[in-house]
Amino acid sequence: MSVVIVGGNECMIRQYKDLCSEYKCKAKVYPKMVSGLKNIGTPDLLVLFTNTVSHKMVRCVLSEAKGQNTKIARSHSSSMAALRSILDEHVA
């Protein structure tokens, strides 16, 4: 399963990826706006940490994911516990 995480803390990128690998998922993490986020691909799960991203960034990502079979999970908190609960819910 592929996971794209948008937002979060830059210093926690490694922890986010490690946690996703515990769930047997490949993860891409975008804590900041990078080239319009055109390269997110077609992930199975899109995680939006809404507290740490701009409205523009959310709009860009959602427009990229539109029309794809992607589950979207939003969390106000960008903690490891929040990511763990999202992965528990969406990864079988």
PDB file of N, CA and C in Angstrom:
ATOM      1  N   MET A   1       0.849  -1.180   0.000  1.00  0.00           N
ATOM      2  CA  MET A   1       0.000   0.000   0.000  1.00  0.00           C
ATOM      3  C   MET A   1       0.888   1.234   0.000  1.00  0.00           C
ATOM      4  N   SER A   2       0.512   2.227  -0.781  1.00  0.00           N
ATOM      5  CA  SER A   2       1.292   3.457  -0.833  1.00  0.00           C
ATOM      6  C   SER A   2       0.552   4.562  -0.085  1.00  0.00           C
ATOM      7  N   VAL A   3       1.324   5.345   0.654  1.00  0.00           N
ATOM      8  CA  VAL A   3       0.773   6.415   1.480  1.00  0.00           C
ATOM      9  C   VAL A   3       1.507   7.711   1.146  1.00  0.00           C
ATOM     10  N   VAL A   4       0.752   8.787   0.975  1.00  0.00           N
ATOM     11  CA  VAL A   4       1.335  10.117   0.816  1.00  0.00           C
ATOM     12  C   VAL A   4       0.882  10.945   2.005  1.00  0.00           C
ATOM     13  N   ILE A   5       1.859  11.518   2.704  1.00  0.00           N
ATOM     14  CA  ILE A   5       1.579  12.352   3.867  1.00  0.00           C
ATOM     15  C   ILE A   5       1.890  13.797   3.503  1.00  0.00           C
ATOM     16  N   VAL A   6       0.908  14.660   3.650  1.00  0.00           N
ATOM     17  CA  VAL A   6       1.078  16.078   3.337  1.00  0.00           C
ATOM     18  C   VAL A   6       0.956  16.858   4.632  1.00  0.00           C
ATOM     19  N   GLY A   7       1.984  17.638   4.927  1.00  0.00           N
ATOM     20  CA  GLY A   7       2.018  18.400   6.163  1.00  0.00           C
ATOM     21  C   GLY A   7       2.889  17.697   7.178  1.00  0.00           C
ATOM     22  N   GLY A   8       2.699  18.032   8.412  1.00  0.00           N
ATOM     23  CA  GLY A   8       3.506  17.438   9.473  1.00  0.00           C
ATOM     24  C   GLY A   8       4.752  18.255   9.748  1.00  0.00           C
ATOM     25  N   ASN A   9       5.587  17.714  10.601  1.00  0.00           N
ATOM     26  CA  ASN A   9       6.814  18.394  10.987  1.00  0.00           C
ATOM     27  C   ASN A   9       7.986  17.870  10.174  1.00  0.00           C
ATOM     28  N   GLU A  10       8.839  18.777   9.716  1.00  0.00           N
ATOM     29  CA  GLU A  10       9.994  18.376   8.917  1.00  0.00           C
ATOM     30  C   GLU A  10      10.928  17.457   9.685  1.00  0.00           C
ATOM     31  N   CYS A  11      11.069  17.683  10.970  1.00  0.00           N
ATOM     32  CA  CYS A  11      12.000  16.874  11.756  1.00  0.00           C
ATOM     33  C   CYS A  11      11.472  15.460  12.014  1.00  0.00           C
ATOM     34  N   MET A  12      10.221  15.197  11.663  1.00  0.00           N
ATOM     35  CA  MET A  12       9.633  13.878  11.919  1.00  0.00           C
ATOM     36  C   MET A  12       9.444  13.046  10.655  1.00  0.00           C
ATOM     37  N   ILE A  13      10.015  13.474   9.542  1.00  0.00           N
ATOM     38  CA  ILE A  13       9.848  12.745   8.286  1.00  0.00           C
ATOM     39  C   ILE A  13      10.308  11.299   8.433  1.00  0.00           C
ATOM     40  N   ARG A  14      11.473  11.097   9.032  1.00  0.00           N
ATOM     41  CA  ARG A  14      12.015   9.743   9.197  1.00  0.00           C
ATOM     42  C   ARG A  14      11.080   8.888  10.050  1.00  0.00           C
ATOM     43  N   GLN A  15      10.530   9.451  11.130  1.00  0.00           N
ATOM     44  CA  GLN A  15       9.616   8.691  11.992  1.00  0.00           C
ATOM     45  C   GLN A  15       8.332   8.322  11.254  1.00  0.00           C
ATOM     46  N   TYR A  16       7.805   9.253  10.438  1.00  0.00           N
ATOM     47  CA  TYR A  16       6.605   8.959   9.654  1.00  0.00           C
ATOM     48  C   TYR A  16       6.865   7.783   8.716  1.00  0.00           C
ATOM     49  N   LYS A  17       7.998   7.817   8.018  1.00  0.00           N
ATOM     50  CA  LYS A  17       8.328   6.741   7.082  1.00  0.00           C
ATOM     51  C   LYS A  17       8.539   5.418   7.812  1.00  0.00           C
ATOM     52  N   ASP A  18       9.204   5.458   8.965  1.00  0.00           N
ATOM     53  CA  ASP A  18       9.432   4.231   9.737  1.00  0.00           C
ATOM     54  C   ASP A  18       8.117   3.623  10.218  1.00  0.00           C
ATOM     55  N   LEU A  19       7.202   4.465  10.680  1.00  0.00           N
ATOM     56  CA  LEU A  19       5.908   3.967  11.137  1.00  0.00           C
ATOM     57  C   LEU A  19       5.131   3.347   9.977  1.00  0.00           C
ATOM     58  N   CYS A  20       5.165   3.975   8.821  1.00  0.00           N
ATOM     59  CA  CYS A  20       4.478   3.409   7.664  1.00  0.00           C
ATOM     60  C   CYS A  20       5.099   2.086   7.244  1.00  0.00           C
ATOM     61  N   SER A  21       6.411   1.967   7.358  1.00  0.00           N
ATOM     62  CA  SER A  21       7.045   0.703   6.992  1.00  0.00           C
ATOM     63  C   SER A  21       6.684  -0.410   7.975  1.00  0.00           C
ATOM     64  N   GLU A  22       6.374  -0.071   9.228  1.00  0.00           N
ATOM     65  CA  GLU A  22       5.886  -1.071  10.180  1.00  0.00           C
ATOM     66  C   GLU A  22       4.554  -1.650   9.731  1.00  0.00           C
ATOM     67  N   TYR A  23       3.763  -0.845   9.020  1.00  0.00           N
ATOM     68  CA  TYR A  23       2.471  -1.292   8.495  1.00  0.00           C
ATOM     69  C   TYR A  23       2.603  -1.833   7.069  1.00  0.00           C
ATOM     70  N   LYS A  24       3.824  -2.038   6.608  1.00  0.00           N
ATOM     71  CA  LYS A  24       4.117  -2.554   5.263  1.00  0.00           C
ATOM     72  C   LYS A  24       3.609  -1.609   4.172  1.00  0.00           C
ATOM     73  N   CYS A  25       3.810  -0.315   4.403  1.00  0.00           N
ATOM     74  CA  CYS A  25       3.396   0.708   3.440  1.00  0.00           C
ATOM     75  C   CYS A  25       4.612   1.494   2.976  1.00  0.00           C
ATOM     76  N   LYS A  26       4.582   1.920   1.716  1.00  0.00           N
ATOM     77  CA  LYS A  26       5.597   2.840   1.215  1.00  0.00           C
ATOM     78  C   LYS A  26       5.059   4.248   1.404  1.00  0.00           C
ATOM     79  N   ALA A  27       5.898   5.143   1.875  1.00  0.00           N
ATOM     80  CA  ALA A  27       5.417   6.489   2.193  1.00  0.00           C
ATOM     81  C   ALA A  27       6.247   7.559   1.498  1.00  0.00           C
ATOM     82  N   LYS A  28       5.543   8.581   1.029  1.00  0.00           N
ATOM     83  CA  LYS A  28       6.157   9.830   0.585  1.00  0.00           C
ATOM     84  C   LYS A  28       5.652  10.901   1.535  1.00  0.00           C
ATOM     85  N   VAL A  29       6.548  11.763   1.980  1.00  0.00           N
ATOM     86  CA  VAL A  29       6.165  12.800   2.936  1.00  0.00           C
ATOM     87  C   VAL A  29       6.504  14.164   2.342  1.00  0.00           C
ATOM     88  N   TYR A  30       5.525  15.051   2.328  1.00  0.00           N
ATOM     89  CA  TYR A  30       5.697  16.409   1.829  1.00  0.00           C
ATOM     90  C   TYR A  30       5.321  17.391   2.939  1.00  0.00           C
ATOM     91  N   PRO A  31       6.293  17.813   3.761  1.00  0.00           N
ATOM     92  CA  PRO A  31       5.963  18.749   4.833  1.00  0.00           C
ATOM     93  C   PRO A  31       5.774  20.188   4.334  1.00  0.00           C
ATOM     94  N   LYS A  32       6.325  20.490   3.158  1.00  0.00           N
ATOM     95  CA  LYS A  32       6.220  21.841   2.604  1.00  0.00           C
ATOM     96  C   LYS A  32       5.761  21.767   1.159  1.00  0.00           C
ATOM     97  N   MET A  33       5.349  22.908   0.631  1.00  0.00           N
ATOM     98  CA  MET A  33       4.936  23.000  -0.765  1.00  0.00           C
ATOM     99  C   MET A  33       6.159  22.818  -1.660  1.00  0.00           C
ATOM    100  N   VAL A  34       6.104  21.796  -2.526  1.00  0.00           N
ATOM    101  CA  VAL A  34       7.221  21.509  -3.416  1.00  0.00           C
ATOM    102  C   VAL A  34       6.684  21.407  -4.840  1.00  0.00           C
ATOM    103  N   SER A  35       7.079  22.299  -5.703  1.00  0.00           N
ATOM    104  CA  SER A  35       6.719  22.314  -7.129  1.00  0.00           C
ATOM    105  C   SER A  35       5.248  22.021  -7.385  1.00  0.00           C
ATOM    106  N   GLY A  36       4.390  22.579  -6.568  1.00  0.00           N
ATOM    107  CA  GLY A  36       2.955  22.413  -6.776  1.00  0.00           C
ATOM    108  C   GLY A  36       2.427  21.031  -6.455  1.00  0.00           C
ATOM    109  N   LEU A  37       3.247  20.187  -5.870  1.00  0.00           N
ATOM    110  CA  LEU A  37       2.859  18.816  -5.497  1.00  0.00           C
ATOM    111  C   LEU A  37       2.262  18.055  -6.680  1.00  0.00           C
ATOM    112  N   LYS A  38       2.894  18.156  -7.820  1.00  0.00           N
ATOM    113  CA  LYS A  38       2.405  17.479  -9.019  1.00  0.00           C
ATOM    114  C   LYS A  38       2.863  16.022  -9.080  1.00  0.00           C
ATOM    115  N   ASN A  39       3.806  15.629  -8.226  1.00  0.00           N
ATOM    116  CA  ASN A  39       4.379  14.288  -8.334  1.00  0.00           C
ATOM    117  C   ASN A  39       3.920  13.355  -7.211  1.00  0.00           C
ATOM    118  N   ILE A  40       2.702  13.509  -6.733  1.00  0.00           N
ATOM    119  CA  ILE A  40       2.258  12.614  -5.662  1.00  0.00           C
ATOM    120  C   ILE A  40       1.872  11.252  -6.202  1.00  0.00           C
ATOM    121  N   GLY A  41       1.624  11.157  -7.495  1.00  0.00           N
ATOM    122  CA  GLY A  41       1.288   9.873  -8.091  1.00  0.00           C
ATOM    123  C   GLY A  41      -0.137   9.460  -7.779  1.00  0.00           C
ATOM    124  N   THR A  42      -0.349   8.146  -7.643  1.00  0.00           N
ATOM    125  CA  THR A  42      -1.673   7.607  -7.338  1.00  0.00           C
ATOM    126  C   THR A  42      -1.593   6.772  -6.065  1.00  0.00           C
ATOM    127  N   PRO A  43      -1.565   7.424  -4.921  1.00  0.00           N
ATOM    128  CA  PRO A  43      -1.447   6.671  -3.663  1.00  0.00           C
ATOM    129  C   PRO A  43      -2.754   5.981  -3.290  1.00  0.00           C
ATOM    130  N   ASP A  44      -2.642   4.965  -2.445  1.00  0.00           N
ATOM    131  CA  ASP A  44      -3.833   4.302  -1.924  1.00  0.00           C
ATOM    132  C   ASP A  44      -4.458   5.118  -0.796  1.00  0.00           C
ATOM    133  N   LEU A  45      -3.610   5.834  -0.047  1.00  0.00           N
ATOM    134  CA  LEU A  45      -4.081   6.630   1.087  1.00  0.00           C
ATOM    135  C   LEU A  45      -3.366   7.975   1.084  1.00  0.00           C
ATOM    136  N   LEU A  46      -4.138   9.037   1.230  1.00  0.00           N
ATOM    137  CA  LEU A  46      -3.594  10.386   1.320  1.00  0.00           C
ATOM    138  C   LEU A  46      -3.894  10.911   2.716  1.00  0.00           C
ATOM    139  N   VAL A  47      -2.845  11.241   3.467  1.00  0.00           N
ATOM    140  CA  VAL A  47      -3.001  11.744   4.830  1.00  0.00           C
ATOM    141  C   VAL A  47      -2.701  13.236   4.818  1.00  0.00           C
ATOM    142  N   LEU A  48      -3.660  14.031   5.290  1.00  0.00           N
ATOM    143  CA  LEU A  48      -3.492  15.485   5.373  1.00  0.00           C
ATOM    144  C   LEU A  48      -3.426  15.888   6.835  1.00  0.00           C
ATOM    145  N   PHE A  49      -2.290  16.430   7.245  1.00  0.00           N
ATOM    146  CA  PHE A  49      -2.166  16.997   8.582  1.00  0.00           C
ATOM    147  C   PHE A  49      -2.538  18.467   8.463  1.00  0.00           C
ATOM    148  N   THR A  50      -3.793  18.782   8.749  1.00  0.00           N
ATOM    149  CA  THR A  50      -4.351  20.086   8.408  1.00  0.00           C
ATOM    150  C   THR A  50      -3.827  21.240   9.251  1.00  0.00           C
ATOM    151  N   ASN A  51      -3.249  20.968  10.402  1.00  0.00           N
ATOM    152  CA  ASN A  51      -2.764  22.047  11.252  1.00  0.00           C
ATOM    153  C   ASN A  51      -1.488  22.680  10.691  1.00  0.00           C
ATOM    154  N   THR A  52      -0.718  21.921   9.924  1.00  0.00           N
ATOM    155  CA  THR A  52       0.596  22.398   9.489  1.00  0.00           C
ATOM    156  C   THR A  52       0.682  22.665   7.992  1.00  0.00           C
ATOM    157  N   VAL A  53      -0.449  22.743   7.300  1.00  0.00           N
ATOM    158  CA  VAL A  53      -0.410  23.035   5.869  1.00  0.00           C
ATOM    159  C   VAL A  53      -1.285  24.244   5.556  1.00  0.00           C
ATOM    160  N   SER A  54      -0.961  24.894   4.457  1.00  0.00           N
ATOM    161  CA  SER A  54      -1.752  26.045   4.025  1.00  0.00           C
ATOM    162  C   SER A  54      -2.976  25.571   3.249  1.00  0.00           C
ATOM    163  N   HIS A  55      -3.933  26.448   3.108  1.00  0.00           N
ATOM    164  CA  HIS A  55      -5.133  26.131   2.344  1.00  0.00           C
ATOM    165  C   HIS A  55      -4.770  25.868   0.881  1.00  0.00           C
ATOM    166  N   LYS A  56      -3.820  26.617   0.371  1.00  0.00           N
ATOM    167  CA  LYS A  56      -3.385  26.446  -1.014  1.00  0.00           C
ATOM    168  C   LYS A  56      -2.805  25.050  -1.223  1.00  0.00           C
ATOM    169  N   MET A  57      -2.028  24.596  -0.277  1.00  0.00           N
ATOM    170  CA  MET A  57      -1.412  23.275  -0.376  1.00  0.00           C
ATOM    171  C   MET A  57      -2.477  22.175  -0.351  1.00  0.00           C
ATOM    172  N   VAL A  58      -3.485  22.325   0.506  1.00  0.00           N
ATOM    173  CA  VAL A  58      -4.574  21.350   0.572  1.00  0.00           C
ATOM    174  C   VAL A  58      -5.332  21.320  -0.741  1.00  0.00           C
ATOM    175  N   ARG A  59      -5.615  22.488  -1.299  1.00  0.00           N
ATOM    176  CA  ARG A  59      -6.336  22.545  -2.584  1.00  0.00           C
ATOM    177  C   ARG A  59      -5.546  21.876  -3.697  1.00  0.00           C
ATOM    178  N   CYS A  60      -4.233  22.116  -3.742  1.00  0.00           N
ATOM    179  CA  CYS A  60      -3.389  21.505  -4.782  1.00  0.00           C
ATOM    180  C   CYS A  60      -3.409  19.980  -4.678  1.00  0.00           C
ATOM    181  N   VAL A  61      -3.260  19.479  -3.473  1.00  0.00           N
ATOM    182  CA  VAL A  61      -3.210  18.033  -3.276  1.00  0.00           C
ATOM    183  C   VAL A  61      -4.556  17.391  -3.587  1.00  0.00           C
ATOM    184  N   LEU A  62      -5.630  18.011  -3.138  1.00  0.00           N
ATOM    185  CA  LEU A  62      -6.950  17.444  -3.392  1.00  0.00           C
ATOM    186  C   LEU A  62      -7.303  17.476  -4.878  1.00  0.00           C
ATOM    187  N   SER A  63      -6.843  18.497  -5.596  1.00  0.00           N
ATOM    188  CA  SER A  63      -7.102  18.531  -7.035  1.00  0.00           C
ATOM    189  C   SER A  63      -6.295  17.462  -7.757  1.00  0.00           C
ATOM    190  N   GLU A  64      -5.094  17.147  -7.275  1.00  0.00           N
ATOM    191  CA  GLU A  64      -4.297  16.071  -7.855  1.00  0.00           C
ATOM    192  C   GLU A  64      -4.926  14.709  -7.591  1.00  0.00           C
ATOM    193  N   ALA A  65      -5.540  14.540  -6.426  1.00  0.00           N
ATOM    194  CA  ALA A  65      -6.120  13.251  -6.044  1.00  0.00           C
ATOM    195  C   ALA A  65      -7.529  13.066  -6.596  1.00  0.00           C
ATOM    196  N   LYS A  66      -8.110  14.111  -7.132  1.00  0.00           N
ATOM    197  CA  LYS A  66      -9.484  14.038  -7.630  1.00  0.00           C
ATOM    198  C   LYS A  66      -9.565  13.074  -8.819  1.00  0.00           C
ATOM    199  N   GLY A  67     -10.589  12.236  -8.794  1.00  0.00           N
ATOM    200  CA  GLY A  67     -10.782  11.299  -9.884  1.00  0.00           C
ATOM    201  C   GLY A  67     -10.008  10.004  -9.739  1.00  0.00           C
ATOM    202  N   GLN A  68      -9.223   9.887  -8.702  1.00  0.00           N
ATOM    203  CA  GLN A  68      -8.477   8.660  -8.451  1.00  0.00           C
ATOM    204  C   GLN A  68      -9.176   7.887  -7.342  1.00  0.00           C
ATOM    205  N   ASN A  69      -8.818   6.642  -7.213  1.00  0.00           N
ATOM    206  CA  ASN A  69      -9.389   5.805  -6.154  1.00  0.00           C
ATOM    207  C   ASN A  69      -8.499   5.910  -4.919  1.00  0.00           C
ATOM    208  N   THR A  70      -8.434   7.099  -4.331  1.00  0.00           N
ATOM    209  CA  THR A  70      -7.561   7.374  -3.195  1.00  0.00           C
ATOM    210  C   THR A  70      -8.397   7.685  -1.966  1.00  0.00           C
ATOM    211  N   LYS A  71      -8.104   6.998  -0.866  1.00  0.00           N
ATOM    212  CA  LYS A  71      -8.752   7.319   0.404  1.00  0.00           C
ATOM    213  C   LYS A  71      -8.060   8.552   0.972  1.00  0.00           C
ATOM    214  N   ILE A  72      -8.837   9.469   1.516  1.00  0.00           N
ATOM    215  CA  ILE A  72      -8.274  10.695   2.082  1.00  0.00           C
ATOM    216  C   ILE A  72      -8.589  10.730   3.573  1.00  0.00           C
ATOM    217  N   ALA A  73      -7.542  10.876   4.376  1.00  0.00           N
ATOM    218  CA  ALA A  73      -7.702  10.969   5.828  1.00  0.00           C
ATOM    219  C   ALA A  73      -7.148  12.316   6.273  1.00  0.00           C
ATOM    220  N   ARG A  74      -7.929  13.037   7.054  1.00  0.00           N
ATOM    221  CA  ARG A  74      -7.498  14.343   7.566  1.00  0.00           C
ATOM    222  C   ARG A  74      -7.341  14.255   9.073  1.00  0.00           C
ATOM    223  N   SER A  75      -6.296  14.901   9.554  1.00  0.00           N
ATOM    224  CA  SER A  75      -6.063  14.947  10.993  1.00  0.00           C
ATOM    225  C   SER A  75      -5.546  16.331  11.343  1.00  0.00           C
ATOM    226  N   HIS A  76      -6.088  16.904  12.400  1.00  0.00           N
ATOM    227  CA  HIS A  76      -5.619  18.220  12.826  1.00  0.00           C
ATOM    228  C   HIS A  76      -4.240  18.107  13.471  1.00  0.00           C
ATOM    229  N   SER A  77      -4.015  17.015  14.156  1.00  0.00           N
ATOM    230  CA  SER A  77      -2.737  16.793  14.825  1.00  0.00           C
ATOM    231  C   SER A  77      -1.770  16.086  13.875  1.00  0.00           C
ATOM    232  N   SER A  78      -0.494  16.429  13.959  1.00  0.00           N
ATOM    233  CA  SER A  78       0.514  15.770  13.123  1.00  0.00           C
ATOM    234  C   SER A  78       1.430  14.888  13.966  1.00  0.00           C
ATOM    235  N   SER A  79       0.872  14.316  15.018  1.00  0.00           N
ATOM    236  CA  SER A  79       1.671  13.485  15.917  1.00  0.00           C
ATOM    237  C   SER A  79       1.772  12.056  15.397  1.00  0.00           C
ATOM    238  N   MET A  80       2.673  11.295  15.994  1.00  0.00           N
ATOM    239  CA  MET A  80       2.827   9.883  15.638  1.00  0.00           C
ATOM    240  C   MET A  80       1.579   9.102  16.027  1.00  0.00           C
ATOM    241  N   ALA A  81       0.966   9.454  17.139  1.00  0.00           N
ATOM    242  CA  ALA A  81      -0.253   8.767  17.576  1.00  0.00           C
ATOM    243  C   ALA A  81      -1.390   8.991  16.582  1.00  0.00           C
ATOM    244  N   ALA A  82      -1.484  10.192  16.035  1.00  0.00           N
ATOM    245  CA  ALA A  82      -2.517  10.481  15.044  1.00  0.00           C
ATOM    246  C   ALA A  82      -2.284   9.660  13.778  1.00  0.00           C
ATOM    247  N   LEU A  83      -1.030   9.590  13.327  1.00  0.00           N
ATOM    248  CA  LEU A  83      -0.717   8.799  12.133  1.00  0.00           C
ATOM    249  C   LEU A  83      -0.968   7.315  12.393  1.00  0.00           C
ATOM    250  N   ARG A  84      -0.614   6.841  13.583  1.00  0.00           N
ATOM    251  CA  ARG A  84      -0.831   5.437  13.934  1.00  0.00           C
ATOM    252  C   ARG A  84      -2.330   5.094  13.896  1.00  0.00           C
ATOM    253  N   SER A  85      -3.180   5.988  14.426  1.00  0.00           N
ATOM    254  CA  SER A  85      -4.614   5.713  14.421  1.00  0.00           C
ATOM    255  C   SER A  85      -5.173   5.736  12.998  1.00  0.00           C
ATOM    256  N   ILE A  86      -4.658   6.606  12.141  1.00  0.00           N
ATOM    257  CA  ILE A  86      -5.092   6.634  10.747  1.00  0.00           C
ATOM    258  C   ILE A  86      -4.690   5.341  10.046  1.00  0.00           C
ATOM    259  N   LEU A  87      -3.463   4.902  10.272  1.00  0.00           N
ATOM    260  CA  LEU A  87      -3.013   3.664   9.632  1.00  0.00           C
ATOM    261  C   LEU A  87      -3.771   2.449  10.184  1.00  0.00           C
ATOM    262  N   ASP A  88      -4.078   2.451  11.485  1.00  0.00           N
ATOM    263  CA  ASP A  88      -4.872   1.364  12.053  1.00  0.00           C
ATOM    264  C   ASP A  88      -6.246   1.278  11.382  1.00  0.00           C
ATOM    265  N   GLU A  89      -6.807   2.426  11.097  1.00  0.00           N
ATOM    266  CA  GLU A  89      -8.151   2.482  10.521  1.00  0.00           C
ATOM    267  C   GLU A  89      -8.173   2.076   9.047  1.00  0.00           C
ATOM    268  N   HIS A  90      -7.152   2.499   8.278  1.00  0.00           N
ATOM    269  CA  HIS A  90      -7.198   2.340   6.818  1.00  0.00           C
ATOM    270  C   HIS A  90      -6.381   1.175   6.273  1.00  0.00           C
ATOM    271  N   VAL A  91      -5.407   0.679   7.019  1.00  0.00           N
ATOM    272  CA  VAL A  91      -4.583  -0.413   6.530  1.00  0.00           C
ATOM    273  C   VAL A  91      -5.053  -1.710   7.170  1.00  0.00           C
ATOM    274  N   ALA A  92      -5.414  -2.667   6.324  1.00  0.00           N
ATOM    275  CA  ALA A  92      -5.944  -3.940   6.850  1.00  0.00           C
ATOM    276  C   ALA A  92      -4.824  -4.913   7.165  1.00  0.00           C
TER     277      ALA A  92
END
